[in-house]
Amino acid sequence: MEFVNADNFDQWRVHARRLISNDVSPMEVQWTDAENQPSLFGPESPEASIPKASSIGTRPFSVPKTFLTLAETVACHRDAGRWSLLYRTLWRILHDQRHLLEITTDDDVHALNQMNKAVTRDVHKMKAFVRFRKLVTDDATEQFVAWHRPDHRIVRLAAPFFARRFKAMNWSIMTPDESAIWDQKSLAYRPGVPSSEAPSGDELETLWKTYYASIFNPARVKVATMKREMPVRHWATLPEASLIDDLLREAPARVETMIEQNEGFAETATKFMPELVDLPALQKAAECCRACPLHQHATQTVFGEGPPNARVVFVGEQPGDREDREGHPFVGPAGQLLDESLQIAGVKRDEIYITNVVKHFKFTETDTPRGKRRLHQKPNSREVFACRPWLEAELVAIKPEFVICLGATAAQALFGRDFRITKDRGRRRQTEWCLNTLATWHPAAILRMPDHQRQLQMRQQLVSDLRQVSLSTDSSMGHPGS
């Protein structure tokens, strides 16, 4: 029996590569981590168990990209059995069960999917529950600090979201496991801290309470759901939690006032999401989406299309007239120009996934000698906000290596409303959904450009940006650079 220690995904992958190369079966390995050391026979420290370079096997092998992305997330789960489960699944995939992950009823696959959901859910909760407090340092600079207690070891999964959302702030997020620090330039990770070291309240709490009370919607309060989604253990770090009792008592009166004033409630597609978040289930559920008024006039929902394991996802604004009639994305004039550009850039369309931020065609009708003509209208922020959960779910399901935003609407949906495509086109950025995300011209914008020389320039820039997409990116665990 070989005792192996791994404390994170990278350490596990090094060990797994060595064990697979030496043909060591799962029954011959006992995995542990820093929190679950065996009392007599385990290594003394995480570093002690990392094999030397000379001991790592060199027999090449590769695994599906879907397994690697799943393993990176599951590695953040707190269950001590995750390493054994991952290695056993890897062994089975490499021994005549290449498509094991597609068998959702398999016990190991089911366990991995449950862990993946738990970690992903914990990441979403961290994004929702972290509240920064402002501290003034000795040199009079502002530092924002937060303390959070996640269920799993998710700091490195969630921190990039905060770096993107609060890029102009110096902040630190402390958890018992690990802390993340952002200096407006780069992320750094430090040891965790106990809750006793969390900062005390300050003027930000008063400001946040005022804001929370203003957005509190009494007509949609479900106390049981609220406690499930906002566990009581997080309330100590949420200043708005102290308002909940008073707001609930006032809820009936506030509902009557809202009805009298005929206020509308901003819905999103979240309420239409299926329990199983995979592409077929999402596409079917999206057909019933009524989150915004666009469904009332569109012919049909136009969902994304492409391989479920695509390495590249293209995101446009919304379907056009022809897409609305045929039910497929990018099949009109803009789609034809995109196809031409992809071919020049050496990217195969049948290997990419292509979708839109908004899934219904927004248009206005105008009279022509041949009858009515439907003209494209840009979706407003309310419609983009309502439809955005579908796009986010697509990206979570696919886990692409590249995301290409076609046009300003798609770019601002992922980068934020301050993004300007004329300034930042073609620059790779990291988002919470993908390490390599960039924006380029929407083919429709190129076709609408009246200046011929400028149109040619934009076409060349589009092709140049598409060439950054490398469909040959290695996803092999056995590759020397992996």
Protein backbone atom coordinates (compact mmCIF):
# COMPACT_ATOMS: atom_id res chain seq x y z
CA MET A 1 0.00 0.00 0.00
CA GLU A 2 1.38 3.41 -0.96
CA PHE A 3 0.43 6.45 1.15
CA VAL A 4 0.18 9.63 -0.92
CA ASN A 5 -0.45 13.15 0.31
CA ALA A 6 -2.02 15.88 -1.82
CA ASP A 7 -3.21 19.25 -0.57
CA ASN A 8 -4.41 20.77 -3.85
CA PHE A 9 -5.19 19.89 -7.44
CA ASP A 10 -1.67 20.50 -8.76
CA GLN A 11 -0.14 18.15 -6.18
CA TRP A 12 -2.77 15.51 -6.90
CA ARG A 13 -2.11 15.73 -10.65
CA VAL A 14 1.65 15.23 -10.16
CA HIS A 15 1.02 12.13 -8.07
CA ALA A 16 -1.70 10.83 -10.39
CA ARG A 17 0.57 11.14 -13.42
CA ARG A 18 3.32 9.21 -11.65
CA LEU A 19 0.99 6.49 -10.39
CA ILE A 20 -0.71 6.00 -13.75
CA SER A 21 2.65 5.85 -15.54
CA ASN A 22 3.77 3.16 -13.08
CA ASP A 23 0.49 1.28 -13.49
CA VAL A 24 -0.44 1.58 -9.81
CA SER A 25 -4.10 0.63 -9.32
CA PRO A 26 -6.45 2.60 -7.03
CA MET A 27 -6.55 -0.36 -4.62
CA GLU A 28 -2.82 0.10 -3.96
CA VAL A 29 -3.01 3.78 -3.00
CA GLN A 30 -4.24 5.53 0.14
CA TRP A 31 -4.72 9.26 -0.34
CA THR A 32 -4.66 11.89 2.37
CA ASP A 33 -4.17 15.64 2.79
CA ALA A 34 -2.87 18.05 5.40
CA GLU A 35 -6.17 17.91 7.32
CA ASN A 36 -6.42 14.11 7.28
CA GLN A 37 -2.98 12.66 7.90
CA PRO A 38 -2.73 8.97 8.91
CA SER A 39 -1.42 8.69 12.43
CA LEU A 40 1.50 6.33 11.85
CA PHE A 41 2.34 5.78 8.23
CA GLY A 42 1.57 9.07 6.43
CA PRO A 43 4.15 11.62 5.32
CA GLU A 44 5.11 14.22 7.88
CA SER A 45 4.17 17.20 5.73
CA PRO A 46 2.56 17.99 2.38
CA GLU A 47 5.96 18.80 0.92
CA ALA A 48 7.41 15.49 2.01
CA SER A 49 5.08 13.56 -0.22
CA ILE A 50 5.70 15.45 -3.46
CA PRO A 51 7.72 13.13 -5.68
CA LYS A 52 11.03 14.23 -7.12
CA ALA A 53 11.13 14.95 -10.83
CA SER A 54 13.20 11.84 -11.45
CA SER A 55 10.51 9.61 -9.93
CA ILE A 56 7.64 10.87 -12.10
CA GLY A 57 6.64 8.46 -14.84
CA THR A 58 7.05 9.54 -18.44
CA ARG A 59 4.60 7.25 -20.21
CA PRO A 60 2.36 9.66 -22.18
CA PHE A 61 -1.40 9.57 -21.84
CA SER A 62 -4.28 11.96 -22.17
CA VAL A 63 -7.69 12.39 -20.59
CA PRO A 64 -10.81 14.25 -21.68
CA LYS A 65 -10.84 17.97 -20.99
CA THR A 66 -14.14 17.53 -19.16
CA PHE A 67 -12.45 15.37 -16.55
CA LEU A 68 -9.69 17.91 -15.91
CA THR A 69 -12.11 20.80 -15.46
CA LEU A 70 -14.31 18.67 -13.20
CA ALA A 71 -11.29 17.55 -11.17
CA GLU A 72 -10.09 21.13 -10.62
CA THR A 73 -13.44 22.00 -9.05
CA VAL A 74 -13.84 18.79 -7.05
CA ALA A 75 -10.32 19.28 -5.66
CA CYS A 76 -11.70 22.25 -3.69
CA HIS A 77 -14.25 20.08 -1.90
CA ARG A 78 -13.57 19.40 1.76
CA ASP A 79 -14.37 15.68 1.60
CA ALA A 80 -11.19 13.74 2.44
CA GLY A 81 -12.21 11.04 -0.06
CA ARG A 82 -12.06 13.35 -3.08
CA TRP A 83 -8.50 12.37 -4.07
CA SER A 84 -9.27 8.64 -4.03
CA LEU A 85 -12.47 9.23 -5.98
CA LEU A 86 -10.67 11.32 -8.60
CA TYR A 87 -7.85 8.80 -9.04
CA ARG A 88 -10.26 5.87 -9.26
CA THR A 89 -12.26 7.72 -11.93
CA LEU A 90 -9.08 8.60 -13.82
CA TRP A 91 -7.97 4.97 -13.73
CA ARG A 92 -11.31 3.79 -15.09
CA ILE A 93 -11.29 6.38 -17.88
CA LEU A 94 -7.85 5.24 -18.99
CA HIS A 95 -8.78 1.55 -18.78
CA ASP A 96 -11.46 1.04 -21.43
CA GLN A 97 -14.06 3.49 -20.04
CA ARG A 98 -13.14 6.59 -22.00
CA HIS A 99 -16.70 7.94 -21.89
CA LEU A 100 -17.30 7.18 -18.23
CA LEU A 101 -18.29 10.77 -17.37
CA GLU A 102 -21.27 10.50 -19.71
CA ILE A 103 -22.76 7.75 -17.51
CA THR A 104 -24.42 9.96 -14.93
CA THR A 105 -25.91 6.96 -13.09
CA ASP A 106 -22.45 5.56 -12.29
CA ASP A 107 -21.75 5.83 -8.54
CA ASP A 108 -18.35 7.51 -8.96
CA VAL A 109 -19.60 9.93 -11.60
CA HIS A 110 -22.64 10.78 -9.50
CA ALA A 111 -20.42 11.45 -6.47
CA LEU A 112 -18.13 13.70 -8.52
CA ASN A 113 -21.08 15.63 -9.93
CA GLN A 114 -22.51 16.14 -6.45
CA MET A 115 -19.18 17.47 -5.20
CA ASN A 116 -18.90 19.70 -8.24
CA LYS A 117 -22.36 21.15 -7.55
CA ALA A 118 -21.55 21.71 -3.89
CA VAL A 119 -18.34 23.58 -4.67
CA THR A 120 -19.95 25.64 -7.44
CA ARG A 121 -22.83 26.55 -5.15
CA ASP A 122 -20.38 27.55 -2.42
CA VAL A 123 -18.57 29.85 -4.86
CA HIS A 124 -21.86 31.56 -5.69
CA LYS A 125 -22.59 32.01 -2.00
CA MET A 126 -19.20 33.57 -1.41
CA LYS A 127 -19.86 36.08 -4.17
CA ALA A 128 -23.20 36.93 -2.57
CA PHE A 129 -22.22 37.06 1.11
CA VAL A 130 -18.81 38.75 1.18
CA ARG A 131 -19.07 42.28 2.59
CA PHE A 132 -16.01 44.56 2.63
CA ARG A 133 -15.20 46.91 5.47
CA LYS A 134 -13.03 49.98 4.88
CA LEU A 135 -9.85 50.39 6.89
CA VAL A 136 -7.46 53.35 6.70
CA THR A 137 -3.81 52.33 6.91
CA ASP A 138 -0.94 54.28 8.45
CA ASP A 139 -0.10 55.88 5.10
CA ALA A 140 -3.72 57.11 4.74
CA THR A 141 -4.58 54.69 1.93
CA GLU A 142 -7.87 52.81 1.94
CA GLN A 143 -7.88 49.05 2.36
CA PHE A 144 -11.07 46.99 2.15
CA VAL A 145 -11.19 43.82 4.19
CA ALA A 146 -13.74 41.01 4.43
CA TRP A 147 -13.97 37.76 6.37
CA HIS A 148 -15.94 34.77 5.08
CA ARG A 149 -16.38 31.14 6.16
CA PRO A 150 -17.02 28.96 3.10
CA ASP A 151 -18.00 25.31 3.26
CA HIS A 152 -15.17 24.32 0.94
CA ARG A 153 -11.71 25.52 -0.04
CA ILE A 154 -12.88 27.83 -2.79
CA VAL A 155 -10.86 31.02 -2.35
CA ARG A 156 -8.92 30.57 -5.59
CA LEU A 157 -12.08 29.80 -7.52
CA ALA A 158 -13.92 32.90 -6.29
CA ALA A 159 -11.14 35.48 -5.95
CA PRO A 160 -10.86 36.29 -9.70
CA PHE A 161 -14.52 37.40 -9.64
CA PHE A 162 -13.76 39.97 -6.92
CA ALA A 163 -10.62 41.12 -8.73
CA ARG A 164 -12.72 41.83 -11.80
CA ARG A 165 -15.64 43.38 -9.94
CA PHE A 166 -13.56 45.49 -7.53
CA LYS A 167 -10.47 46.10 -9.65
CA ALA A 168 -10.05 49.72 -8.47
CA MET A 169 -9.90 48.78 -4.77
CA ASN A 170 -7.17 47.37 -2.56
CA TRP A 171 -8.89 44.50 -0.79
CA SER A 172 -8.33 41.33 1.20
CA ILE A 173 -10.72 38.44 1.73
CA MET A 174 -9.84 36.27 4.70
CA THR A 175 -11.16 32.75 5.31
CA PRO A 176 -10.09 30.05 7.79
CA ASP A 177 -8.34 28.15 4.98
CA GLU A 178 -6.71 30.83 2.86
CA SER A 179 -6.76 34.57 2.21
CA ALA A 180 -6.78 36.45 -1.09
CA ILE A 181 -5.18 39.88 -1.52
CA TRP A 182 -5.70 42.25 -4.47
CA ASP A 183 -3.51 45.37 -4.96
CA GLN A 184 -5.27 46.59 -8.14
CA LYS A 185 -2.65 44.74 -10.19
CA SER A 186 -2.44 41.10 -9.18
CA LEU A 187 -3.88 38.49 -6.85
CA ALA A 188 -1.82 36.98 -4.07
CA TYR A 189 -2.74 34.21 -1.65
CA ARG A 190 -1.78 33.99 2.01
CA PRO A 191 -2.60 31.65 4.94
CA GLY A 192 -6.09 31.73 6.40
CA VAL A 193 -7.10 33.55 9.57
CA PRO A 194 -9.66 32.82 12.32
CA SER A 195 -12.83 34.87 12.64
CA SER A 196 -11.44 36.55 15.75
CA GLU A 197 -9.13 38.54 13.50
CA ALA A 198 -11.93 39.86 11.28
CA PRO A 199 -12.22 43.67 11.28
CA SER A 200 -14.91 45.42 13.28
CA GLY A 201 -17.81 47.39 11.81
CA ASP A 202 -17.40 50.88 10.37
CA GLU A 203 -19.30 53.47 8.40
CA LEU A 204 -19.75 51.09 5.46
CA GLU A 205 -22.22 49.06 7.51
CA THR A 206 -24.59 52.03 7.83
CA LEU A 207 -24.32 52.73 4.11
CA TRP A 208 -24.94 49.08 3.22
CA LYS A 209 -27.94 48.79 5.55
CA THR A 210 -29.53 51.84 3.93
CA TYR A 211 -28.99 50.35 0.48
CA TYR A 212 -30.28 46.91 1.48
CA ALA A 213 -33.45 48.35 2.97
CA SER A 214 -34.08 50.27 -0.25
CA ILE A 215 -33.81 47.17 -2.47
CA PHE A 216 -35.63 44.78 -0.13
CA ASN A 217 -38.63 43.35 -2.02
CA PRO A 218 -41.28 42.21 0.48
CA ALA A 219 -43.50 40.68 -2.19
CA ARG A 220 -40.95 37.97 -2.94
CA VAL A 221 -39.79 37.02 0.54
CA LYS A 222 -39.82 33.31 1.34
CA VAL A 223 -38.38 32.90 4.80
CA ALA A 224 -37.53 29.19 4.51
CA THR A 225 -35.84 29.75 1.16
CA MET A 226 -33.99 32.77 2.52
CA LYS A 227 -32.54 30.75 5.40
CA ARG A 228 -31.52 28.00 2.99
CA GLU A 229 -29.87 30.40 0.56
CA MET A 230 -28.44 32.68 3.26
CA PRO A 231 -27.36 30.29 6.05
CA VAL A 232 -27.49 31.72 9.54
CA ARG A 233 -23.76 31.10 10.01
CA HIS A 234 -23.06 33.89 7.48
CA TRP A 235 -25.26 36.47 9.20
CA ALA A 236 -22.51 37.67 11.51
CA THR A 237 -20.58 39.06 8.52
CA LEU A 238 -23.67 40.52 6.81
CA PRO A 239 -24.65 43.91 8.27
CA GLU A 240 -28.01 43.76 6.51
CA ALA A 241 -28.96 40.64 8.48
CA SER A 242 -29.80 42.80 11.49
CA LEU A 243 -32.54 44.45 9.41
CA ILE A 244 -34.32 41.26 8.39
CA ASP A 245 -36.72 40.96 11.34
CA ASP A 246 -37.89 44.58 11.03
CA LEU A 247 -38.21 44.35 7.26
CA LEU A 248 -40.26 41.16 7.46
CA ARG A 249 -42.64 42.76 9.96
CA GLU A 250 -43.08 45.70 7.61
CA ALA A 251 -43.43 43.50 4.51
CA PRO A 252 -47.27 43.34 4.26
CA ALA A 253 -47.62 47.12 4.37
CA ARG A 254 -44.83 47.55 1.85
CA VAL A 255 -46.46 45.06 -0.52
CA GLU A 256 -49.69 47.09 -0.47
CA THR A 257 -47.74 50.26 -1.19
CA MET A 258 -45.93 48.63 -4.10
CA ILE A 259 -49.19 47.39 -5.57
CA GLU A 260 -50.77 50.82 -5.24
CA GLN A 261 -47.81 52.38 -7.00
CA ASN A 262 -47.95 49.64 -9.69
CA GLU A 263 -44.26 48.90 -9.42
CA GLY A 264 -42.88 46.12 -11.60
CA PHE A 265 -40.54 43.44 -10.34
CA ALA A 266 -37.37 42.79 -12.32
CA GLU A 267 -37.43 39.10 -13.12
CA THR A 268 -34.54 37.08 -14.50
CA ALA A 269 -34.30 33.73 -16.22
CA THR A 270 -33.12 32.13 -12.98
CA LYS A 271 -36.64 31.04 -12.08
CA PHE A 272 -36.85 29.06 -15.34
CA MET A 273 -33.58 27.17 -14.81
CA PRO A 274 -33.74 23.35 -14.81
CA GLU A 275 -32.39 21.31 -11.91
CA LEU A 276 -29.92 19.52 -14.18
CA VAL A 277 -27.70 22.20 -15.70
CA ASP A 278 -26.46 20.66 -18.94
CA LEU A 279 -26.90 22.03 -22.45
CA PRO A 280 -29.86 19.87 -23.57
CA ALA A 281 -31.78 20.63 -20.37
CA LEU A 282 -30.93 24.33 -20.61
CA GLN A 283 -32.06 24.55 -24.22
CA LYS A 284 -35.37 22.87 -23.46
CA ALA A 285 -35.98 25.08 -20.41
CA ALA A 286 -35.12 28.25 -22.34
CA GLU A 287 -37.98 27.56 -24.72
CA CYS A 288 -40.35 28.38 -21.83
CA CYS A 289 -38.52 31.51 -20.64
CA ARG A 290 -40.79 34.47 -19.92
CA ALA A 291 -38.32 36.61 -17.97
CA CYS A 292 -38.71 39.63 -20.27
CA PRO A 293 -41.30 40.77 -22.87
CA LEU A 294 -39.16 39.84 -25.90
CA HIS A 295 -40.65 36.33 -26.05
CA GLN A 296 -44.06 37.82 -26.88
CA HIS A 297 -43.10 38.88 -30.39
CA ALA A 298 -40.16 36.64 -31.31
CA THR A 299 -40.86 33.54 -33.40
CA GLN A 300 -38.90 31.26 -31.06
CA THR A 301 -36.04 31.02 -28.59
CA VAL A 302 -32.69 30.83 -30.35
CA PHE A 303 -30.34 28.96 -28.02
CA GLY A 304 -26.64 28.31 -28.44
CA GLU A 305 -25.32 25.49 -30.62
CA GLY A 306 -22.11 23.51 -30.78
CA PRO A 307 -20.21 20.68 -29.09
CA PRO A 308 -20.86 20.42 -25.32
CA ASN A 309 -17.11 20.09 -24.77
CA ALA A 310 -16.13 22.93 -27.10
CA ARG A 311 -12.88 24.65 -26.22
CA VAL A 312 -14.10 27.95 -27.65
CA VAL A 313 -17.38 29.78 -27.08
CA PHE A 314 -18.47 32.72 -29.24
CA VAL A 315 -21.00 35.10 -27.70
CA GLY A 316 -23.01 37.56 -29.79
CA GLU A 317 -25.70 40.07 -28.90
CA GLN A 318 -29.00 38.53 -29.99
CA PRO A 319 -30.49 36.55 -32.90
CA GLY A 320 -31.38 38.47 -36.05
CA ASP A 321 -34.33 38.19 -38.40
CA ARG A 322 -33.17 35.03 -40.17
CA GLU A 323 -32.00 33.41 -36.93
CA ASP A 324 -35.40 34.09 -35.39
CA ARG A 325 -37.17 32.36 -38.28
CA GLU A 326 -34.81 29.37 -38.55
CA GLY A 327 -34.03 28.86 -34.86
CA HIS A 328 -30.22 28.73 -35.21
CA PRO A 329 -27.60 31.33 -34.20
CA PHE A 330 -25.50 33.21 -36.75
CA VAL A 331 -27.03 31.91 -39.98
CA GLY A 332 -27.79 35.33 -41.53
CA PRO A 333 -25.45 37.81 -43.24
CA ALA A 334 -23.47 38.38 -40.03
CA GLY A 335 -23.10 34.62 -39.65
CA GLN A 336 -21.81 34.32 -43.21
CA LEU A 337 -19.17 36.96 -42.56
CA LEU A 338 -18.22 35.19 -39.34
CA ASP A 339 -17.88 31.89 -41.23
CA GLU A 340 -15.57 33.53 -43.77
CA SER A 341 -13.45 35.07 -41.03
CA LEU A 342 -13.24 31.79 -39.12
CA GLN A 343 -12.08 29.99 -42.25
CA ILE A 344 -9.35 32.57 -42.90
CA ALA A 345 -8.25 32.38 -39.26
CA GLY A 346 -8.10 28.59 -39.36
CA VAL A 347 -10.93 27.99 -36.90
CA LYS A 348 -13.49 25.29 -37.67
CA ARG A 349 -17.06 26.35 -36.95
CA ASP A 350 -18.20 22.81 -36.16
CA GLU A 351 -15.70 22.74 -33.27
CA ILE A 352 -16.93 25.89 -31.54
CA TYR A 353 -20.02 26.69 -29.48
CA ILE A 354 -21.83 29.84 -30.54
CA THR A 355 -24.58 31.66 -28.68
CA ASN A 356 -26.00 35.09 -27.82
CA VAL A 357 -26.46 37.08 -24.62
CA VAL A 358 -30.17 37.55 -25.43
CA LYS A 359 -32.06 34.54 -26.77
CA HIS A 360 -35.01 36.32 -28.44
CA PHE A 361 -35.04 38.64 -31.46
CA LYS A 362 -35.84 42.27 -30.63
CA PHE A 363 -37.06 44.28 -33.59
CA THR A 364 -39.22 47.09 -34.88
CA GLU A 365 -41.34 46.81 -38.02
CA THR A 366 -41.25 49.29 -40.88
CA ASP A 367 -43.28 49.52 -44.08
CA THR A 368 -41.57 48.84 -47.41
CA PRO A 369 -42.93 48.50 -50.96
CA ARG A 370 -42.78 44.72 -50.43
CA GLY A 371 -44.56 44.77 -47.09
CA LYS A 372 -43.41 44.83 -43.50
CA ARG A 373 -39.69 44.57 -42.71
CA ARG A 374 -38.31 43.68 -39.29
CA LEU A 375 -35.36 45.84 -38.23
CA HIS A 376 -32.96 44.88 -35.43
CA GLN A 377 -33.19 46.80 -32.17
CA LYS A 378 -30.46 46.72 -29.55
CA PRO A 379 -31.63 45.01 -26.31
CA ASN A 380 -31.73 47.28 -23.30
CA SER A 381 -29.98 46.63 -19.98
CA ARG A 382 -33.17 45.20 -18.43
CA GLU A 383 -33.46 42.58 -21.19
CA VAL A 384 -29.76 41.70 -21.03
CA PHE A 385 -30.00 41.35 -17.25
CA ALA A 386 -33.06 39.12 -17.50
CA CYS A 387 -31.49 36.79 -20.07
CA ARG A 388 -27.94 36.69 -18.71
CA PRO A 389 -28.46 33.58 -16.49
CA TRP A 390 -28.82 31.46 -19.64
CA LEU A 391 -25.41 32.60 -20.89
CA GLU A 392 -23.79 32.06 -17.51
CA ALA A 393 -25.27 28.56 -17.31
CA GLU A 394 -23.95 27.75 -20.80
CA LEU A 395 -20.44 28.84 -19.82
CA VAL A 396 -20.55 26.89 -16.57
CA ALA A 397 -21.69 23.76 -18.42
CA ILE A 398 -19.05 24.00 -21.16
CA LYS A 399 -16.07 25.41 -19.21
CA PRO A 400 -14.35 26.74 -22.34
CA GLU A 401 -10.68 27.61 -22.72
CA PHE A 402 -11.54 30.69 -24.79
CA VAL A 403 -14.54 33.00 -24.87
CA ILE A 404 -14.86 35.42 -27.78
CA CYS A 405 -17.31 38.30 -27.28
CA LEU A 406 -18.67 39.57 -30.58
CA GLY A 407 -19.61 43.22 -30.08
CA ALA A 408 -20.08 45.60 -27.18
CA THR A 409 -23.25 44.05 -25.72
CA ALA A 410 -21.61 40.64 -25.22
CA ALA A 411 -18.39 42.22 -23.95
CA GLN A 412 -20.15 44.40 -21.39
CA ALA A 413 -22.21 41.43 -20.20
CA LEU A 414 -18.99 39.63 -19.19
CA PHE A 415 -16.52 42.46 -18.52
CA GLY A 416 -18.84 45.09 -17.06
CA ARG A 417 -20.56 48.17 -18.41
CA ASP A 418 -17.35 50.24 -18.42
CA PHE A 419 -15.81 48.07 -21.15
CA ARG A 420 -15.19 49.87 -24.45
CA ILE A 421 -14.58 47.67 -27.46
CA THR A 422 -12.89 50.51 -29.39
CA LYS A 423 -10.28 50.71 -26.64
CA ASP A 424 -9.81 47.12 -25.45
CA ARG A 425 -10.62 45.00 -28.50
CA GLY A 426 -8.44 41.94 -28.92
CA ARG A 427 -6.95 41.98 -25.40
CA ARG A 428 -7.22 38.75 -23.44
CA ARG A 429 -8.65 39.00 -19.96
CA GLN A 430 -9.52 36.55 -17.22
CA THR A 431 -13.14 36.29 -16.16
CA GLU A 432 -14.87 34.07 -13.65
CA TRP A 433 -15.94 31.78 -16.49
CA CYS A 434 -12.75 31.53 -18.52
CA LEU A 435 -9.05 32.29 -18.31
CA ASN A 436 -8.93 33.68 -21.85
CA THR A 437 -11.76 36.04 -22.74
CA LEU A 438 -11.50 38.71 -25.40
CA ALA A 439 -13.81 40.98 -27.36
CA THR A 440 -13.80 41.78 -31.04
CA TRP A 441 -16.06 43.37 -33.63
CA HIS A 442 -19.51 41.95 -34.19
CA PRO A 443 -19.78 40.92 -37.86
CA ALA A 444 -23.05 42.87 -38.12
CA ALA A 445 -21.25 46.06 -37.05
CA ILE A 446 -18.72 45.49 -39.82
CA LEU A 447 -21.47 45.05 -42.41
CA ARG A 448 -23.13 48.28 -41.26
CA MET A 449 -19.92 50.31 -41.57
CA PRO A 450 -20.46 52.75 -44.49
CA ASP A 451 -16.78 53.61 -44.96
CA HIS A 452 -15.31 50.95 -47.24
CA GLN A 453 -11.72 51.34 -46.04
CA ARG A 454 -12.78 51.24 -42.41
CA GLN A 455 -14.87 48.13 -43.10
CA LEU A 456 -11.85 46.37 -44.61
CA GLN A 457 -9.77 47.34 -41.59
CA MET A 458 -12.40 45.96 -39.20
CA ARG A 459 -12.55 42.71 -41.15
CA GLN A 460 -8.79 42.33 -40.86
CA GLN A 461 -8.93 43.06 -37.14
CA LEU A 462 -11.68 40.47 -36.67
CA VAL A 463 -9.58 37.80 -38.40
CA SER A 464 -6.52 38.83 -36.38
CA ASP A 465 -8.45 38.47 -33.14
CA LEU A 466 -9.84 35.08 -34.17
CA ARG A 467 -6.33 33.81 -34.80
CA GLN A 468 -5.68 34.08 -31.08
CA VAL A 469 -8.01 31.13 -30.63
CA SER A 470 -5.88 28.00 -30.51
CA LEU A 471 -7.98 24.91 -31.02
CA SER A 472 -4.84 22.84 -30.59
CA THR A 473 -4.40 23.93 -26.96
CA ASP A 474 -3.10 20.89 -25.11
CA SER A 475 -5.40 19.38 -22.50
CA SER A 476 -3.32 16.28 -21.92
CA MET A 477 -2.23 15.42 -18.40
CA GLY A 478 0.71 13.60 -19.88
CA HIS A 479 2.00 16.50 -21.96
CA PRO A 480 5.26 17.95 -20.59
CA GLY A 481 3.74 21.40 -20.41
CA SER A 482 0.53 20.37 -18.67
